[in-house]
Amino acid sequence: QMQLMESGGGLAQTGGSLRLSCRGSTRTYSAYVMAWFRQAPGREREFVAGISWDDDFIHYQDSVKGRFTISGDKSRNAINLQMNNLKPEDTAVYYCATGRIRVPTRRAMSSSDRYDYWGQGTQVTVSS
């Protein structure tokens, strides 16, 4: 069974940076996507960024474009999320996820229902 191990996160000031990392415990094969979601208190879990292993397609939520960068290493089944110019509204628990999405459209990658495995979550807090 796949397990996702996250690291990073913590506390940053507005305008600061943090880096999250995630690695899967087993190898994945074709059509897999790895992604980051986040959930703030009282809000639904939302998609942040994802990468498709088959074609390296990358998709970002509009609010993080230009500030966050997702990168990955398919051979290690690992992804990172570099978060720059952080804002208080980025405060949330961040989750790594992976699933098999045969057609990795933006819509499909953004849906949490398409992911089979989730990490335990890591807290990111941005102070104003």
Protein backbone atom coordinates (compact mmCIF):
# COMPACT_ATOMS: atom_id res chain seq x y z
CA GLN A 1 0.00 0.00 0.00
CA MET A 2 1.29 3.39 -0.96
CA GLN A 3 2.25 5.73 1.84
CA LEU A 4 3.06 9.37 1.33
CA MET A 5 5.58 11.00 3.62
CA GLU A 6 5.56 14.77 3.87
CA SER A 7 8.11 17.14 5.34
CA GLY A 8 8.57 20.85 5.56
CA GLY A 9 6.04 23.46 6.48
CA GLY A 10 6.09 25.58 9.60
CA LEU A 11 5.77 29.27 10.32
CA ALA A 12 6.61 32.13 7.97
CA GLN A 13 5.97 35.83 7.81
CA THR A 14 4.03 37.50 5.03
CA GLY A 15 6.28 37.64 2.00
CA GLY A 16 8.43 34.79 3.22
CA SER A 17 9.09 31.35 1.79
CA LEU A 18 8.65 27.73 2.77
CA ARG A 19 9.29 24.43 1.02
CA LEU A 20 7.26 21.24 1.27
CA SER A 21 8.42 17.80 0.21
CA CYS A 22 6.59 14.55 -0.31
CA ARG A 23 7.75 11.07 -1.26
CA GLY A 24 5.79 7.93 -2.01
CA SER A 25 6.81 4.65 -0.41
CA THR A 26 6.33 2.57 -3.54
CA ARG A 27 6.85 3.01 -7.22
CA THR A 28 4.04 4.28 -9.40
CA TYR A 29 3.45 3.56 -13.03
CA SER A 30 1.76 5.25 -15.93
CA ALA A 31 -1.07 7.75 -15.64
CA TYR A 32 -0.21 8.79 -12.08
CA VAL A 33 -0.51 12.35 -10.84
CA MET A 34 0.98 13.76 -7.67
CA ALA A 35 -0.45 16.90 -6.18
CA TRP A 36 -0.72 19.23 -3.22
CA PHE A 37 -4.02 20.17 -1.62
CA ARG A 38 -4.67 22.38 1.38
CA GLN A 39 -7.39 22.83 3.95
CA ALA A 40 -7.86 25.90 6.12
CA PRO A 41 -10.02 25.81 9.28
CA GLY A 42 -13.70 25.84 8.42
CA ARG A 43 -13.06 25.48 4.70
CA GLU A 44 -13.14 22.63 2.21
CA ARG A 45 -9.97 21.01 0.99
CA GLU A 46 -8.75 22.72 -2.17
CA PHE A 47 -6.30 21.90 -4.92
CA VAL A 48 -3.02 23.81 -4.94
CA ALA A 49 -0.77 22.29 -7.62
CA GLY A 50 -0.22 19.00 -9.39
CA ILE A 51 2.10 17.28 -11.82
CA SER A 52 1.39 14.46 -14.23
CA TRP A 53 4.18 11.88 -14.46
CA ASP A 54 3.32 10.80 -18.02
CA ASP A 55 3.77 14.15 -19.74
CA ASP A 56 5.08 16.46 -16.99
CA PHE A 57 1.91 18.55 -17.29
CA ILE A 58 1.69 20.97 -14.38
CA HIS A 59 -1.42 22.74 -13.14
CA TYR A 60 -1.76 25.42 -10.47
CA GLN A 61 -4.66 26.95 -8.64
CA ASP A 62 -5.01 30.54 -9.84
CA SER A 63 -4.30 32.08 -6.43
CA VAL A 64 -0.83 30.53 -6.22
CA LYS A 65 0.35 31.04 -9.80
CA GLY A 66 3.60 32.99 -9.91
CA ARG A 67 4.24 32.35 -6.21
CA PHE A 68 4.33 28.56 -5.83
CA THR A 69 6.37 26.12 -7.89
CA ILE A 70 5.81 22.38 -7.96
CA SER A 71 8.63 20.11 -9.06
CA GLY A 72 9.03 16.38 -9.10
CA ASP A 73 11.29 13.39 -9.53
CA LYS A 74 9.40 10.52 -11.13
CA SER A 75 12.16 8.00 -10.42
CA ARG A 76 11.81 8.70 -6.71
CA ASN A 77 8.05 9.29 -6.79
CA ALA A 78 8.67 12.57 -5.01
CA ILE A 79 7.43 16.13 -5.34
CA ASN A 80 8.29 19.46 -3.81
CA LEU A 81 6.33 22.66 -3.43
CA GLN A 82 8.35 25.85 -3.22
CA MET A 83 6.16 28.58 -1.77
CA ASN A 84 7.33 32.16 -2.14
CA ASN A 85 5.72 35.49 -1.33
CA LEU A 86 3.48 33.79 1.21
CA LYS A 87 0.26 35.44 2.31
CA PRO A 88 -1.83 34.93 5.47
CA GLU A 89 -4.52 33.30 3.32
CA ASP A 90 -2.04 30.53 2.48
CA THR A 91 -2.33 29.34 6.08
CA ALA A 92 -3.64 25.78 6.03
CA VAL A 93 -2.79 22.14 6.46
CA TYR A 94 -1.13 21.02 3.25
CA TYR A 95 -1.64 17.47 1.99
CA CYS A 96 0.27 15.49 -0.59
CA ALA A 97 -1.84 13.17 -2.73
CA THR A 98 -1.44 10.75 -5.60
CA GLY A 99 -3.79 8.86 -7.87
CA ARG A 100 -4.16 7.37 -11.28
CA ILE A 101 -5.72 9.90 -13.66
CA ARG A 102 -5.68 8.56 -17.21
CA VAL A 103 -6.52 11.94 -18.76
CA PRO A 104 -4.90 14.57 -16.55
CA THR A 105 -6.98 17.59 -17.44
CA ARG A 106 -6.99 20.64 -15.18
CA ARG A 107 -10.44 19.71 -13.96
CA ALA A 108 -9.51 16.13 -13.19
CA MET A 109 -6.31 17.07 -11.40
CA SER A 110 -8.19 19.59 -9.26
CA SER A 111 -10.70 17.07 -7.94
CA SER A 112 -9.78 15.45 -4.64
CA ASP A 113 -12.02 12.48 -5.51
CA ARG A 114 -9.51 11.40 -8.16
CA TYR A 115 -6.75 10.73 -5.64
CA ASP A 116 -6.37 7.41 -3.87
CA TYR A 117 -3.57 8.07 -1.41
CA TRP A 118 -3.00 10.96 0.95
CA GLY A 119 -0.27 12.11 3.29
CA GLN A 120 -0.90 12.98 6.92
CA GLY A 121 -0.72 16.71 6.29
CA THR A 122 1.70 19.40 7.35
CA GLN A 123 0.82 22.77 8.87
CA VAL A 124 1.76 26.00 7.13
CA THR A 125 1.13 29.19 9.07
CA VAL A 126 1.76 32.64 7.63
CA SER A 127 1.71 35.54 10.04
CA SER A 128 0.76 39.05 8.98
